[in-house]
Amino acid sequence: MHPAVVVDASTSKPVDERHRSDDHLPMGTDALLEVAVKTGLNLVFGLLHQNLSFERQFGYRPSGGSICNNVLQTALDVVMTFEPLSLAEKRRLPPLAVSSLAEVTVFLRSIVSQQSCADTNGRRLAAELMLVIAAQRGSLRYLLEWIEMSLCAAVRRETEESSEGVADEESHPPMITHATFAAVLSHMKKAMVCSFLVI
């Protein structure tokens, strides 16, 4: 005979199920780590947005290039060195890592959008980094999110060009470079070969 399961009327979920979900809440060191990571990401993203706004408002460009662009380029270079599917959830990424990747994706989408203060190079770097991360996560969902972001950016760009009468490729370069696209395809092929060898 199965034991009775008590149901809380306020949540319509079994009490023992709610307790199991509560066991996954961060505690102790994990909780402090989550606070540090989340606040750190918000601080970094806020400073980068503020820096882009400052550069656009005053027309100031550092001799070493935009700080945001340098950060994006560094992140892209590092992620490109990862083994295929290094960020896949099936690798048992902790919840903090998954949520942090989601916040990074939201930030990159904001950089690519036409409302951002980033220049064309910054938008390209953000789009490339988002594509590389999506491929590393190994799920069609994230690739579709990247495609949707690209389509929205392309539609807005076409609308602006038609209204301004500008359509030259120099003022509006391609969203990503061929080298990055080829590298992503190479990583995907390598991941497929590795999966076949495991099977």
C-alpha atoms as a PDB file:
ATOM      1  CA  MET A   1       0.000   0.000   0.000  1.00  0.00           C
ATOM      2  CA  HIS A   2       1.431   3.370  -1.051  1.00  0.00           C
ATOM      3  CA  PRO A   3       1.900   6.043   1.657  1.00  0.00           C
ATOM      4  CA  ALA A   4      -0.479   8.985   1.494  1.00  0.00           C
ATOM      5  CA  VAL A   5       0.858  12.143  -0.056  1.00  0.00           C
ATOM      6  CA  VAL A   6      -0.106  15.399   1.606  1.00  0.00           C
ATOM      7  CA  VAL A   7      -1.036  18.191  -0.789  1.00  0.00           C
ATOM      8  CA  ASP A   8      -0.685  21.871   0.080  1.00  0.00           C
ATOM      9  CA  ALA A   9      -3.772  23.699  -1.217  1.00  0.00           C
ATOM     10  CA  SER A  10      -1.845  26.929  -1.749  1.00  0.00           C
ATOM     11  CA  THR A  11       0.566  25.380  -4.265  1.00  0.00           C
ATOM     12  CA  SER A  12      -1.370  22.298  -5.460  1.00  0.00           C
ATOM     13  CA  LYS A  13       1.900  20.337  -5.241  1.00  0.00           C
ATOM     14  CA  PRO A  14       2.751  17.422  -2.985  1.00  0.00           C
ATOM     15  CA  VAL A  15       4.584  18.557   0.128  1.00  0.00           C
ATOM     16  CA  ASP A  16       7.348  16.001  -0.351  1.00  0.00           C
ATOM     17  CA  GLU A  17       7.887  17.272  -3.932  1.00  0.00           C
ATOM     18  CA  ARG A  18       8.292  20.845  -2.693  1.00  0.00           C
ATOM     19  CA  HIS A  19      10.836  19.669  -0.158  1.00  0.00           C
ATOM     20  CA  ARG A  20      12.818  17.908  -2.873  1.00  0.00           C
ATOM     21  CA  SER A  21      12.904  21.087  -4.956  1.00  0.00           C
ATOM     22  CA  ASP A  22      13.995  23.086  -1.894  1.00  0.00           C
ATOM     23  CA  ASP A  23      16.979  20.759  -1.507  1.00  0.00           C
ATOM     24  CA  HIS A  24      18.430  22.214  -4.711  1.00  0.00           C
ATOM     25  CA  LEU A  25      18.408  25.784  -3.378  1.00  0.00           C
ATOM     26  CA  PRO A  26      21.947  27.159  -2.833  1.00  0.00           C
ATOM     27  CA  MET A  27      23.160  27.204   0.738  1.00  0.00           C
ATOM     28  CA  GLY A  28      26.352  28.259   2.488  1.00  0.00           C
ATOM     29  CA  THR A  29      29.304  28.678   0.147  1.00  0.00           C
ATOM     30  CA  ASP A  30      27.185  27.973  -2.933  1.00  0.00           C
ATOM     31  CA  ALA A  31      24.794  30.779  -1.991  1.00  0.00           C
ATOM     32  CA  LEU A  32      27.665  33.253  -1.523  1.00  0.00           C
ATOM     33  CA  LEU A  33      29.151  32.148  -4.841  1.00  0.00           C
ATOM     34  CA  GLU A  34      25.827  32.726  -6.598  1.00  0.00           C
ATOM     35  CA  VAL A  35      25.545  36.228  -5.126  1.00  0.00           C
ATOM     36  CA  ALA A  36      29.105  37.052  -6.200  1.00  0.00           C
ATOM     37  CA  VAL A  37      28.664  35.730  -9.753  1.00  0.00           C
ATOM     38  CA  LYS A  38      25.268  37.340 -10.391  1.00  0.00           C
ATOM     39  CA  THR A  39      26.203  40.733  -8.948  1.00  0.00           C
ATOM     40  CA  GLY A  40      29.554  40.583 -10.737  1.00  0.00           C
ATOM     41  CA  LEU A  41      27.899  39.903 -14.091  1.00  0.00           C
ATOM     42  CA  ASN A  42      25.412  42.732 -13.572  1.00  0.00           C
ATOM     43  CA  LEU A  43      28.261  45.085 -12.650  1.00  0.00           C
ATOM     44  CA  VAL A  44      30.348  44.153 -15.691  1.00  0.00           C
ATOM     45  CA  PHE A  45      27.419  44.381 -18.109  1.00  0.00           C
ATOM     46  CA  GLY A  46      26.332  47.704 -16.627  1.00  0.00           C
ATOM     47  CA  LEU A  47      29.844  49.169 -16.934  1.00  0.00           C
ATOM     48  CA  LEU A  48      30.169  47.997 -20.530  1.00  0.00           C
ATOM     49  CA  HIS A  49      26.822  49.547 -21.484  1.00  0.00           C
ATOM     50  CA  GLN A  50      27.798  52.765 -19.714  1.00  0.00           C
ATOM     51  CA  ASN A  51      31.127  52.816 -21.511  1.00  0.00           C
ATOM     52  CA  LEU A  52      29.430  52.368 -24.895  1.00  0.00           C
ATOM     53  CA  SER A  53      26.996  55.162 -24.103  1.00  0.00           C
ATOM     54  CA  PHE A  54      29.864  57.450 -23.046  1.00  0.00           C
ATOM     55  CA  GLU A  55      31.838  56.718 -26.215  1.00  0.00           C
ATOM     56  CA  ARG A  56      28.834  57.390 -28.439  1.00  0.00           C
ATOM     57  CA  GLN A  57      27.720  60.535 -26.606  1.00  0.00           C
ATOM     58  CA  PHE A  58      31.126  62.232 -26.605  1.00  0.00           C
ATOM     59  CA  GLY A  59      32.577  60.591 -29.710  1.00  0.00           C
ATOM     60  CA  TYR A  60      35.499  59.308 -27.654  1.00  0.00           C
ATOM     61  CA  ARG A  61      37.410  56.287 -28.909  1.00  0.00           C
ATOM     62  CA  PRO A  62      40.353  54.995 -26.831  1.00  0.00           C
ATOM     63  CA  SER A  63      43.602  54.482 -28.714  1.00  0.00           C
ATOM     64  CA  GLY A  64      43.497  50.780 -27.850  1.00  0.00           C
ATOM     65  CA  GLY A  65      39.952  50.400 -29.150  1.00  0.00           C
ATOM     66  CA  SER A  66      36.591  50.211 -27.414  1.00  0.00           C
ATOM     67  CA  ILE A  67      36.700  48.529 -24.005  1.00  0.00           C
ATOM     68  CA  CYS A  68      33.518  46.581 -24.770  1.00  0.00           C
ATOM     69  CA  ASN A  69      34.888  45.383 -28.108  1.00  0.00           C
ATOM     70  CA  ASN A  70      38.131  44.279 -26.464  1.00  0.00           C
ATOM     71  CA  VAL A  71      36.217  42.313 -23.835  1.00  0.00           C
ATOM     72  CA  LEU A  72      34.040  40.665 -26.493  1.00  0.00           C
ATOM     73  CA  GLN A  73      37.080  39.811 -28.627  1.00  0.00           C
ATOM     74  CA  THR A  74      38.869  38.269 -25.640  1.00  0.00           C
ATOM     75  CA  ALA A  75      35.809  36.224 -24.684  1.00  0.00           C
ATOM     76  CA  LEU A  76      35.410  35.050 -28.299  1.00  0.00           C
ATOM     77  CA  ASP A  77      39.057  34.001 -28.516  1.00  0.00           C
ATOM     78  CA  VAL A  78      38.793  32.030 -25.274  1.00  0.00           C
ATOM     79  CA  VAL A  79      35.521  30.257 -26.118  1.00  0.00           C
ATOM     80  CA  MET A  80      36.886  29.312 -29.547  1.00  0.00           C
ATOM     81  CA  THR A  81      39.600  27.267 -27.796  1.00  0.00           C
ATOM     82  CA  PHE A  82      37.057  25.125 -25.920  1.00  0.00           C
ATOM     83  CA  GLU A  83      36.484  21.516 -26.861  1.00  0.00           C
ATOM     84  CA  PRO A  84      33.180  20.953 -28.731  1.00  0.00           C
ATOM     85  CA  LEU A  85      30.071  20.862 -26.497  1.00  0.00           C
ATOM     86  CA  SER A  86      32.028  22.108 -23.479  1.00  0.00           C
ATOM     87  CA  LEU A  87      29.002  24.161 -22.388  1.00  0.00           C
ATOM     88  CA  ALA A  88      26.377  21.500 -23.072  1.00  0.00           C
ATOM     89  CA  GLU A  89      23.954  20.942 -20.201  1.00  0.00           C
ATOM     90  CA  LYS A  90      24.384  17.187 -20.594  1.00  0.00           C
ATOM     91  CA  ARG A  91      27.872  17.716 -19.193  1.00  0.00           C
ATOM     92  CA  ARG A  92      26.035  18.346 -15.910  1.00  0.00           C
ATOM     93  CA  LEU A  93      26.622  22.068 -15.683  1.00  0.00           C
ATOM     94  CA  PRO A  94      25.558  23.438 -12.294  1.00  0.00           C
ATOM     95  CA  PRO A  95      22.421  25.635 -12.222  1.00  0.00           C
ATOM     96  CA  LEU A  96      24.561  28.720 -11.595  1.00  0.00           C
ATOM     97  CA  ALA A  97      26.512  28.107 -14.806  1.00  0.00           C
ATOM     98  CA  VAL A  98      23.307  27.625 -16.810  1.00  0.00           C
ATOM     99  CA  SER A  99      21.728  30.822 -15.453  1.00  0.00           C
ATOM    100  CA  SER A 100      24.969  32.749 -16.031  1.00  0.00           C
ATOM    101  CA  LEU A 101      25.044  31.620 -19.664  1.00  0.00           C
ATOM    102  CA  ALA A 102      21.455  32.815 -20.019  1.00  0.00           C
ATOM    103  CA  GLU A 103      22.415  36.259 -18.665  1.00  0.00           C
ATOM    104  CA  VAL A 104      25.401  36.434 -21.005  1.00  0.00           C
ATOM    105  CA  THR A 105      23.104  35.639 -23.946  1.00  0.00           C
ATOM    106  CA  VAL A 106      20.698  38.418 -22.933  1.00  0.00           C
ATOM    107  CA  PHE A 107      23.614  40.865 -22.750  1.00  0.00           C
ATOM    108  CA  LEU A 108      24.917  39.833 -26.182  1.00  0.00           C
ATOM    109  CA  ARG A 109      21.450  40.241 -27.707  1.00  0.00           C
ATOM    110  CA  SER A 110      21.294  43.770 -26.280  1.00  0.00           C
ATOM    111  CA  ILE A 111      24.636  44.597 -27.917  1.00  0.00           C
ATOM    112  CA  VAL A 112      23.526  43.282 -31.313  1.00  0.00           C
ATOM    113  CA  SER A 113      20.242  45.180 -31.237  1.00  0.00           C
ATOM    114  CA  GLN A 114      20.012  48.459 -33.128  1.00  0.00           C
ATOM    115  CA  GLN A 115      19.068  50.245 -29.891  1.00  0.00           C
ATOM    116  CA  SER A 116      22.521  49.639 -28.434  1.00  0.00           C
ATOM    117  CA  CYS A 117      25.338  52.168 -28.574  1.00  0.00           C
ATOM    118  CA  ALA A 118      27.808  49.620 -29.957  1.00  0.00           C
ATOM    119  CA  ASP A 119      29.469  50.159 -33.305  1.00  0.00           C
ATOM    120  CA  THR A 120      29.292  47.666 -36.179  1.00  0.00           C
ATOM    121  CA  ASN A 121      32.418  45.872 -34.976  1.00  0.00           C
ATOM    122  CA  GLY A 122      30.960  45.475 -31.488  1.00  0.00           C
ATOM    123  CA  ARG A 123      27.693  44.113 -32.883  1.00  0.00           C
ATOM    124  CA  ARG A 124      29.617  41.650 -35.035  1.00  0.00           C
ATOM    125  CA  LEU A 125      31.701  40.422 -32.113  1.00  0.00           C
ATOM    126  CA  ALA A 126      28.594  39.999 -29.947  1.00  0.00           C
ATOM    127  CA  ALA A 127      26.813  38.058 -32.700  1.00  0.00           C
ATOM    128  CA  GLU A 128      29.837  35.810 -33.251  1.00  0.00           C
ATOM    129  CA  LEU A 129      30.256  35.162 -29.528  1.00  0.00           C
ATOM    130  CA  MET A 130      26.572  34.325 -29.165  1.00  0.00           C
ATOM    131  CA  LEU A 131      26.806  31.889 -32.093  1.00  0.00           C
ATOM    132  CA  VAL A 132      29.900  30.165 -30.695  1.00  0.00           C
ATOM    133  CA  ILE A 133      28.289  29.812 -27.249  1.00  0.00           C
ATOM    134  CA  ALA A 134      25.094  28.452 -28.839  1.00  0.00           C
ATOM    135  CA  ALA A 135      27.104  25.825 -30.717  1.00  0.00           C
ATOM    136  CA  GLN A 136      29.006  24.907 -27.553  1.00  0.00           C
ATOM    137  CA  ARG A 137      25.728  24.390 -25.682  1.00  0.00           C
ATOM    138  CA  GLY A 138      24.821  21.676 -28.166  1.00  0.00           C
ATOM    139  CA  SER A 139      21.084  22.268 -28.449  1.00  0.00           C
ATOM    140  CA  LEU A 140      18.976  23.307 -31.429  1.00  0.00           C
ATOM    141  CA  ARG A 141      17.088  25.682 -29.147  1.00  0.00           C
ATOM    142  CA  TYR A 142      20.070  27.993 -28.714  1.00  0.00           C
ATOM    143  CA  LEU A 143      20.937  27.968 -32.414  1.00  0.00           C
ATOM    144  CA  LEU A 144      17.335  28.911 -33.217  1.00  0.00           C
ATOM    145  CA  GLU A 145      17.566  31.766 -30.710  1.00  0.00           C
ATOM    146  CA  TRP A 146      20.650  33.021 -32.547  1.00  0.00           C
ATOM    147  CA  ILE A 147      18.884  32.769 -35.913  1.00  0.00           C
ATOM    148  CA  GLU A 148      15.898  34.685 -34.529  1.00  0.00           C
ATOM    149  CA  MET A 149      18.215  37.398 -33.189  1.00  0.00           C
ATOM    150  CA  SER A 150      19.977  37.651 -36.556  1.00  0.00           C
ATOM    151  CA  LEU A 151      16.703  37.922 -38.473  1.00  0.00           C
ATOM    152  CA  CYS A 152      15.461  40.709 -36.193  1.00  0.00           C
ATOM    153  CA  ALA A 153      18.736  42.606 -36.597  1.00  0.00           C
ATOM    154  CA  ALA A 154      18.649  42.151 -40.391  1.00  0.00           C
ATOM    155  CA  VAL A 155      15.048  43.362 -40.686  1.00  0.00           C
ATOM    156  CA  ARG A 156      15.774  46.486 -38.646  1.00  0.00           C
ATOM    157  CA  ARG A 157      18.888  47.175 -40.684  1.00  0.00           C
ATOM    158  CA  GLU A 158      16.977  46.849 -43.965  1.00  0.00           C
ATOM    159  CA  THR A 159      14.311  49.216 -42.653  1.00  0.00           C
ATOM    160  CA  GLU A 160      16.917  51.809 -41.694  1.00  0.00           C
ATOM    161  CA  GLU A 161      18.703  51.507 -45.032  1.00  0.00           C
ATOM    162  CA  SER A 162      15.485  51.969 -47.007  1.00  0.00           C
ATOM    163  CA  SER A 163      14.539  55.043 -44.983  1.00  0.00           C
ATOM    164  CA  GLU A 164      18.010  56.589 -45.222  1.00  0.00           C
ATOM    165  CA  GLY A 165      18.757  55.439 -48.763  1.00  0.00           C
ATOM    166  CA  VAL A 166      21.976  53.760 -47.622  1.00  0.00           C
ATOM    167  CA  ALA A 167      22.770  50.265 -48.823  1.00  0.00           C
ATOM    168  CA  ASP A 168      26.544  50.024 -49.162  1.00  0.00           C
ATOM    169  CA  GLU A 169      28.346  47.100 -47.560  1.00  0.00           C
ATOM    170  CA  GLU A 170      31.097  49.252 -46.063  1.00  0.00           C
ATOM    171  CA  SER A 171      28.751  51.150 -43.736  1.00  0.00           C
ATOM    172  CA  HIS A 172      26.860  47.961 -42.874  1.00  0.00           C
ATOM    173  CA  PRO A 173      29.296  45.020 -42.965  1.00  0.00           C
ATOM    174  CA  PRO A 174      28.144  41.382 -42.635  1.00  0.00           C
ATOM    175  CA  MET A 175      26.973  40.330 -39.181  1.00  0.00           C
ATOM    176  CA  ILE A 176      29.644  37.622 -38.770  1.00  0.00           C
ATOM    177  CA  THR A 177      32.872  36.768 -40.564  1.00  0.00           C
ATOM    178  CA  HIS A 178      33.362  33.704 -42.734  1.00  0.00           C
ATOM    179  CA  ALA A 179      36.249  32.561 -40.508  1.00  0.00           C
ATOM    180  CA  THR A 180      34.026  32.390 -37.430  1.00  0.00           C
ATOM    181  CA  PHE A 181      31.259  30.612 -39.343  1.00  0.00           C
ATOM    182  CA  ALA A 182      33.738  28.046 -40.704  1.00  0.00           C
ATOM    183  CA  ALA A 183      35.195  27.509 -37.218  1.00  0.00           C
ATOM    184  CA  VAL A 184      31.725  26.860 -35.762  1.00  0.00           C
ATOM    185  CA  LEU A 185      30.980  24.320 -38.511  1.00  0.00           C
ATOM    186  CA  SER A 186      34.313  22.626 -37.835  1.00  0.00           C
ATOM    187  CA  HIS A 187      33.486  22.335 -34.131  1.00  0.00           C
ATOM    188  CA  MET A 188      30.086  20.841 -34.974  1.00  0.00           C
ATOM    189  CA  LYS A 189      31.659  18.234 -37.275  1.00  0.00           C
ATOM    190  CA  LYS A 190      34.206  17.363 -34.608  1.00  0.00           C
ATOM    191  CA  ALA A 191      31.436  16.929 -32.033  1.00  0.00           C
ATOM    192  CA  MET A 192      29.529  14.630 -34.406  1.00  0.00           C
ATOM    193  CA  VAL A 193      32.624  12.469 -34.999  1.00  0.00           C
ATOM    194  CA  CYS A 194      33.259  12.192 -31.265  1.00  0.00           C
ATOM    195  CA  SER A 195      29.646  11.139 -30.621  1.00  0.00           C
ATOM    196  CA  PHE A 196      29.855   8.439 -33.307  1.00  0.00           C
ATOM    197  CA  LEU A 197      33.084   7.115 -31.809  1.00  0.00           C
ATOM    198  CA  VAL A 198      31.448   6.893 -28.384  1.00  0.00           C
ATOM    199  CA  ILE A 199      28.493   4.961 -29.834  1.00  0.00           C
END
